[in-house]
Amino acid sequence: MRKVYLMGLLLSLVTTIKAQESSSHQSHGGIKGGYNLASVSFDGDGETDQRNGFHVGIYAESFLSEAFSIQPELLFSQQGYEIKNSSGKFTQKLNYINLPVMFKAYPSQNFFLEVGPQIGLAITHKELYDGLFSSTQEYDPDSFDWGMNFGAGIKTDSGISLGVRYHLGMGDLYDDQKAQNRVWLFSVGFDL
């Protein structure tokens, strides 16, 4: 009888461990990347044309419970904007190192909602003017940015995630006017 009891206990323990290992809601790290659509809102009067770019980086997701996690990230992100008119096109290229900290909720096993703050540091900027008249004016954007992120996505049991996120910049890009980053990020992530 004792052998049967011990075998049952051992089988129960192995089953519990295997169930925990197969759960996708464990703390882990990973890599992610994707496509950006970036623009800038000037004085709240609407947004500029969008600049296409990409983002790539790493993340670490720690589960606080089955339904909630916190996910800090470190991302390289191409941002900026374009302005087109009859005399030409002006492009402001800004490359950032961003640090978002996302609070994620899983209302179901594979669907998540996320919200969280972000700080960013512009590591390079470049202005391009393509038009009838040449321009030598150089803009000097503030290198520090901050704002909030809002997003949603799906995550498979194997650790592959697809997500969309909107960055609502709250820091001013320039000292002399109210200009704030607006970025749509479309991402794919892989748990390691």
C-alpha atoms as a PDB file:
ATOM      1  CA  MET A   1       0.000   0.000   0.000  1.00  0.00           C
ATOM      2  CA  ARG A   2       2.864   2.321   0.850  1.00  0.00           C
ATOM      3  CA  LYS A   3       4.395   1.779  -2.636  1.00  0.00           C
ATOM      4  CA  VAL A   4       1.105   2.647  -4.333  1.00  0.00           C
ATOM      5  CA  TYR A   5       0.813   5.792  -2.203  1.00  0.00           C
ATOM      6  CA  LEU A   6       4.401   6.853  -2.988  1.00  0.00           C
ATOM      7  CA  MET A   7       3.933   6.128  -6.709  1.00  0.00           C
ATOM      8  CA  GLY A   8       0.736   8.191  -6.709  1.00  0.00           C
ATOM      9  CA  LEU A   9       2.476  11.037  -4.902  1.00  0.00           C
ATOM     10  CA  LEU A  10       5.423  10.926  -7.326  1.00  0.00           C
ATOM     11  CA  LEU A  11       3.100  10.830 -10.358  1.00  0.00           C
ATOM     12  CA  SER A  12       1.128  13.760  -8.942  1.00  0.00           C
ATOM     13  CA  LEU A  13       4.329  15.767  -8.386  1.00  0.00           C
ATOM     14  CA  VAL A  14       5.616  15.080 -11.930  1.00  0.00           C
ATOM     15  CA  THR A  15       2.239  16.038 -13.420  1.00  0.00           C
ATOM     16  CA  THR A  16       2.188  19.296 -11.431  1.00  0.00           C
ATOM     17  CA  ILE A  17       5.732  20.191 -12.515  1.00  0.00           C
ATOM     18  CA  LYS A  18       4.944  19.410 -16.175  1.00  0.00           C
ATOM     19  CA  ALA A  19       1.768  21.516 -16.032  1.00  0.00           C
ATOM     20  CA  GLN A  20       3.732  24.436 -14.629  1.00  0.00           C
ATOM     21  CA  GLU A  21       6.422  24.054 -17.297  1.00  0.00           C
ATOM     22  CA  SER A  22       3.863  24.054 -20.115  1.00  0.00           C
ATOM     23  CA  SER A  23       2.108  27.175 -18.866  1.00  0.00           C
ATOM     24  CA  SER A  24       2.808  30.200 -21.051  1.00  0.00           C
ATOM     25  CA  HIS A  25       2.376  32.472 -18.010  1.00  0.00           C
ATOM     26  CA  GLN A  26       5.859  32.133 -16.594  1.00  0.00           C
ATOM     27  CA  SER A  27       8.509  34.799 -16.227  1.00  0.00           C
ATOM     28  CA  HIS A  28      10.802  34.938 -19.243  1.00  0.00           C
ATOM     29  CA  GLY A  29      12.801  37.201 -21.538  1.00  0.00           C
ATOM     30  CA  GLY A  30      12.803  37.597 -25.271  1.00  0.00           C
ATOM     31  CA  ILE A  31      13.480  39.612 -28.390  1.00  0.00           C
ATOM     32  CA  LYS A  32      11.042  41.684 -30.411  1.00  0.00           C
ATOM     33  CA  GLY A  33      10.959  43.880 -33.473  1.00  0.00           C
ATOM     34  CA  GLY A  34       8.653  45.358 -36.011  1.00  0.00           C
ATOM     35  CA  TYR A  35       7.359  48.240 -38.068  1.00  0.00           C
ATOM     36  CA  ASN A  36       6.858  51.880 -36.969  1.00  0.00           C
ATOM     37  CA  LEU A  37       4.578  54.594 -38.311  1.00  0.00           C
ATOM     38  CA  ALA A  38       5.845  57.780 -36.643  1.00  0.00           C
ATOM     39  CA  SER A  39       4.579  61.351 -36.762  1.00  0.00           C
ATOM     40  CA  VAL A  40       4.555  64.482 -34.619  1.00  0.00           C
ATOM     41  CA  SER A  41       1.661  66.536 -33.280  1.00  0.00           C
ATOM     42  CA  PHE A  42       2.418  70.274 -33.545  1.00  0.00           C
ATOM     43  CA  ASP A  43       0.549  72.497 -31.049  1.00  0.00           C
ATOM     44  CA  GLY A  44      -2.331  70.007 -30.932  1.00  0.00           C
ATOM     45  CA  ASP A  45      -3.405  71.093 -34.451  1.00  0.00           C
ATOM     46  CA  GLY A  46      -3.110  67.642 -35.968  1.00  0.00           C
ATOM     47  CA  GLU A  47      -0.309  65.351 -36.967  1.00  0.00           C
ATOM     48  CA  THR A  48       2.368  65.538 -39.636  1.00  0.00           C
ATOM     49  CA  ASP A  49       2.779  62.941 -42.357  1.00  0.00           C
ATOM     50  CA  GLN A  50       4.148  59.652 -41.103  1.00  0.00           C
ATOM     51  CA  ARG A  51       7.713  58.429 -41.330  1.00  0.00           C
ATOM     52  CA  ASN A  52       8.193  54.690 -41.869  1.00  0.00           C
ATOM     53  CA  GLY A  53      10.736  52.956 -39.667  1.00  0.00           C
ATOM     54  CA  PHE A  54      11.368  49.966 -37.459  1.00  0.00           C
ATOM     55  CA  HIS A  55      12.065  48.999 -33.858  1.00  0.00           C
ATOM     56  CA  VAL A  56      14.061  46.159 -32.359  1.00  0.00           C
ATOM     57  CA  GLY A  57      14.997  45.202 -28.821  1.00  0.00           C
ATOM     58  CA  ILE A  58      14.704  42.944 -25.794  1.00  0.00           C
ATOM     59  CA  TYR A  59      12.138  42.451 -23.032  1.00  0.00           C
ATOM     60  CA  ALA A  60      11.688  40.657 -19.717  1.00  0.00           C
ATOM     61  CA  GLU A  61       8.152  39.672 -18.706  1.00  0.00           C
ATOM     62  CA  SER A  62       7.512  38.816 -15.049  1.00  0.00           C
ATOM     63  CA  PHE A  63       4.122  37.447 -14.058  1.00  0.00           C
ATOM     64  CA  LEU A  64       2.616  38.837 -10.871  1.00  0.00           C
ATOM     65  CA  SER A  65      -0.301  36.387 -11.145  1.00  0.00           C
ATOM     66  CA  GLU A  66      -1.929  34.235 -13.839  1.00  0.00           C
ATOM     67  CA  ALA A  67      -3.597  37.313 -15.360  1.00  0.00           C
ATOM     68  CA  PHE A  68      -1.123  40.177 -14.765  1.00  0.00           C
ATOM     69  CA  SER A  69       2.503  40.819 -15.661  1.00  0.00           C
ATOM     70  CA  ILE A  70       5.035  43.629 -15.865  1.00  0.00           C
ATOM     71  CA  GLN A  71       7.297  43.888 -18.913  1.00  0.00           C
ATOM     72  CA  PRO A  72      10.253  46.294 -19.091  1.00  0.00           C
ATOM     73  CA  GLU A  73      11.802  46.657 -22.551  1.00  0.00           C
ATOM     74  CA  LEU A  74      14.870  48.207 -24.158  1.00  0.00           C
ATOM     75  CA  LEU A  75      14.216  49.227 -27.770  1.00  0.00           C
ATOM     76  CA  PHE A  76      15.971  50.964 -30.636  1.00  0.00           C
ATOM     77  CA  SER A  77      13.246  52.882 -32.493  1.00  0.00           C
ATOM     78  CA  GLN A  78      13.260  54.908 -35.735  1.00  0.00           C
ATOM     79  CA  GLN A  79      10.895  57.857 -35.306  1.00  0.00           C
ATOM     80  CA  GLY A  80      10.431  61.363 -36.698  1.00  0.00           C
ATOM     81  CA  TYR A  81       8.069  62.860 -39.245  1.00  0.00           C
ATOM     82  CA  GLU A  82       7.571  64.229 -42.746  1.00  0.00           C
ATOM     83  CA  ILE A  83       5.990  67.443 -43.966  1.00  0.00           C
ATOM     84  CA  LYS A  84       4.989  67.627 -47.635  1.00  0.00           C
ATOM     85  CA  ASN A  85       3.777  70.700 -49.486  1.00  0.00           C
ATOM     86  CA  SER A  86       3.950  72.204 -52.980  1.00  0.00           C
ATOM     87  CA  SER A  87       7.589  73.268 -52.605  1.00  0.00           C
ATOM     88  CA  GLY A  88       8.938  69.906 -51.425  1.00  0.00           C
ATOM     89  CA  LYS A  89       9.266  67.414 -48.612  1.00  0.00           C
ATOM     90  CA  PHE A  90      10.999  67.888 -45.245  1.00  0.00           C
ATOM     91  CA  THR A  91      11.924  64.769 -43.246  1.00  0.00           C
ATOM     92  CA  GLN A  92      13.111  64.779 -39.642  1.00  0.00           C
ATOM     93  CA  LYS A  93      14.783  61.433 -38.852  1.00  0.00           C
ATOM     94  CA  LEU A  94      15.060  60.690 -35.130  1.00  0.00           C
ATOM     95  CA  ASN A  95      16.511  57.478 -33.718  1.00  0.00           C
ATOM     96  CA  TYR A  96      15.727  56.683 -30.096  1.00  0.00           C
ATOM     97  CA  ILE A  97      16.719  54.273 -27.375  1.00  0.00           C
ATOM     98  CA  ASN A  98      13.406  53.780 -25.551  1.00  0.00           C
ATOM     99  CA  LEU A  99      12.673  52.201 -22.192  1.00  0.00           C
ATOM    100  CA  PRO A 100       8.970  51.320 -21.862  1.00  0.00           C
ATOM    101  CA  VAL A 101       7.623  49.559 -18.764  1.00  0.00           C
ATOM    102  CA  MET A 102       4.382  47.841 -19.707  1.00  0.00           C
ATOM    103  CA  PHE A 103       1.713  46.564 -17.307  1.00  0.00           C
ATOM    104  CA  LYS A 104      -0.067  43.707 -19.057  1.00  0.00           C
ATOM    105  CA  ALA A 105      -3.431  42.100 -18.335  1.00  0.00           C
ATOM    106  CA  TYR A 106      -4.455  38.745 -19.805  1.00  0.00           C
ATOM    107  CA  PRO A 107      -8.288  38.590 -19.867  1.00  0.00           C
ATOM    108  CA  SER A 108      -7.874  35.217 -21.622  1.00  0.00           C
ATOM    109  CA  GLN A 109      -5.019  32.736 -21.992  1.00  0.00           C
ATOM    110  CA  ASN A 110      -3.610  34.213 -25.220  1.00  0.00           C
ATOM    111  CA  PHE A 111      -4.962  37.788 -25.458  1.00  0.00           C
ATOM    112  CA  PHE A 112      -3.363  40.719 -23.624  1.00  0.00           C
ATOM    113  CA  LEU A 113      -3.947  44.422 -23.068  1.00  0.00           C
ATOM    114  CA  GLU A 114      -1.049  46.670 -22.046  1.00  0.00           C
ATOM    115  CA  VAL A 115      -0.430  50.168 -20.741  1.00  0.00           C
ATOM    116  CA  GLY A 116       2.660  51.849 -19.352  1.00  0.00           C
ATOM    117  CA  PRO A 117       5.073  54.783 -19.281  1.00  0.00           C
ATOM    118  CA  GLN A 118       8.071  55.221 -21.548  1.00  0.00           C
ATOM    119  CA  ILE A 119      11.195  57.347 -21.511  1.00  0.00           C
ATOM    120  CA  GLY A 120      13.421  57.774 -24.534  1.00  0.00           C
ATOM    121  CA  LEU A 121      16.755  59.255 -25.535  1.00  0.00           C
ATOM    122  CA  ALA A 122      17.320  60.494 -29.102  1.00  0.00           C
ATOM    123  CA  ILE A 123      20.734  59.189 -30.115  1.00  0.00           C
ATOM    124  CA  THR A 124      20.785  60.644 -33.655  1.00  0.00           C
ATOM    125  CA  HIS A 125      18.811  63.148 -35.706  1.00  0.00           C
ATOM    126  CA  LYS A 126      19.030  64.204 -39.320  1.00  0.00           C
ATOM    127  CA  GLU A 127      17.031  66.614 -41.458  1.00  0.00           C
ATOM    128  CA  LEU A 128      16.452  66.022 -45.161  1.00  0.00           C
ATOM    129  CA  TYR A 129      14.901  68.533 -47.534  1.00  0.00           C
ATOM    130  CA  ASP A 130      13.913  67.531 -51.045  1.00  0.00           C
ATOM    131  CA  GLY A 131      12.349  70.411 -52.923  1.00  0.00           C
ATOM    132  CA  LEU A 132      12.559  73.404 -55.212  1.00  0.00           C
ATOM    133  CA  PHE A 133      14.670  75.443 -52.818  1.00  0.00           C
ATOM    134  CA  SER A 134      17.582  74.178 -50.790  1.00  0.00           C
ATOM    135  CA  SER A 135      17.408  74.603 -47.044  1.00  0.00           C
ATOM    136  CA  THR A 136      20.327  74.966 -44.659  1.00  0.00           C
ATOM    137  CA  GLN A 137      18.167  75.344 -41.572  1.00  0.00           C
ATOM    138  CA  GLU A 138      19.005  72.760 -38.944  1.00  0.00           C
ATOM    139  CA  TYR A 139      16.621  71.825 -36.172  1.00  0.00           C
ATOM    140  CA  ASP A 140      17.945  70.739 -32.814  1.00  0.00           C
ATOM    141  CA  PRO A 141      15.352  68.508 -31.147  1.00  0.00           C
ATOM    142  CA  ASP A 142      15.424  67.825 -27.426  1.00  0.00           C
ATOM    143  CA  SER A 143      17.138  64.487 -26.858  1.00  0.00           C
ATOM    144  CA  PHE A 144      14.825  63.413 -23.977  1.00  0.00           C
ATOM    145  CA  ASP A 145      11.292  62.144 -24.625  1.00  0.00           C
ATOM    146  CA  TRP A 146       8.633  60.668 -22.376  1.00  0.00           C
ATOM    147  CA  GLY A 147       5.047  59.526 -22.731  1.00  0.00           C
ATOM    148  CA  MET A 148       2.515  56.714 -22.361  1.00  0.00           C
ATOM    149  CA  ASN A 149       1.936  53.538 -24.352  1.00  0.00           C
ATOM    150  CA  PHE A 150      -1.335  51.698 -24.968  1.00  0.00           C
ATOM    151  CA  GLY A 151      -1.605  48.371 -26.769  1.00  0.00           C
ATOM    152  CA  ALA A 152      -3.009  44.908 -27.262  1.00  0.00           C
ATOM    153  CA  GLY A 153      -1.928  41.627 -28.766  1.00  0.00           C
ATOM    154  CA  ILE A 154      -1.979  37.874 -28.808  1.00  0.00           C
ATOM    155  CA  LYS A 155       0.605  35.469 -27.445  1.00  0.00           C
ATOM    156  CA  THR A 156       0.763  31.806 -28.375  1.00  0.00           C
ATOM    157  CA  ASP A 157       1.513  29.041 -25.909  1.00  0.00           C
ATOM    158  CA  SER A 158       4.886  28.607 -27.646  1.00  0.00           C
ATOM    159  CA  GLY A 159       5.893  32.201 -26.723  1.00  0.00           C
ATOM    160  CA  ILE A 160       5.394  34.002 -30.043  1.00  0.00           C
ATOM    161  CA  SER A 161       3.529  37.281 -29.674  1.00  0.00           C
ATOM    162  CA  LEU A 162       1.960  39.716 -32.132  1.00  0.00           C
ATOM    163  CA  GLY A 163       1.112  43.168 -30.834  1.00  0.00           C
ATOM    164  CA  VAL A 164       0.121  46.683 -31.743  1.00  0.00           C
ATOM    165  CA  ARG A 165       0.984  49.669 -29.554  1.00  0.00           C
ATOM    166  CA  TYR A 166       0.428  53.432 -29.690  1.00  0.00           C
ATOM    167  CA  HIS A 167       2.984  55.776 -28.126  1.00  0.00           C
ATOM    168  CA  LEU A 168       1.522  59.098 -27.008  1.00  0.00           C
ATOM    169  CA  GLY A 169       4.540  61.355 -26.517  1.00  0.00           C
ATOM    170  CA  MET A 170       4.177  64.034 -23.830  1.00  0.00           C
ATOM    171  CA  GLY A 171       7.621  65.614 -23.963  1.00  0.00           C
ATOM    172  CA  ASP A 172       8.183  68.522 -26.349  1.00  0.00           C
ATOM    173  CA  LEU A 173      10.508  67.849 -29.265  1.00  0.00           C
ATOM    174  CA  TYR A 174      11.565  71.508 -29.589  1.00  0.00           C
ATOM    175  CA  ASP A 175      12.039  74.265 -27.014  1.00  0.00           C
ATOM    176  CA  ASP A 176      10.155  76.932 -28.969  1.00  0.00           C
ATOM    177  CA  GLN A 177       6.985  75.017 -29.889  1.00  0.00           C
ATOM    178  CA  LYS A 178       4.739  72.218 -28.701  1.00  0.00           C
ATOM    179  CA  ALA A 179       5.669  69.202 -30.820  1.00  0.00           C
ATOM    180  CA  GLN A 180       5.158  65.680 -29.473  1.00  0.00           C
ATOM    181  CA  ASN A 181       5.905  62.212 -30.814  1.00  0.00           C
ATOM    182  CA  ARG A 182       3.107  59.922 -31.976  1.00  0.00           C
ATOM    183  CA  VAL A 183       4.122  56.383 -32.958  1.00  0.00           C
ATOM    184  CA  TRP A 184       2.238  53.243 -33.984  1.00  0.00           C
ATOM    185  CA  LEU A 185       4.336  50.090 -33.388  1.00  0.00           C
ATOM    186  CA  PHE A 186       3.470  46.719 -34.935  1.00  0.00           C
ATOM    187  CA  SER A 187       5.595  44.014 -33.276  1.00  0.00           C
ATOM    188  CA  VAL A 188       6.444  40.354 -33.274  1.00  0.00           C
ATOM    189  CA  GLY A 189       8.175  38.898 -30.205  1.00  0.00           C
ATOM    190  CA  PHE A 190       9.853  35.610 -29.363  1.00  0.00           C
ATOM    191  CA  ASP A 191      10.349  34.292 -25.827  1.00  0.00           C
ATOM    192  CA  LEU A 192      13.808  32.842 -25.266  1.00  0.00           C
END
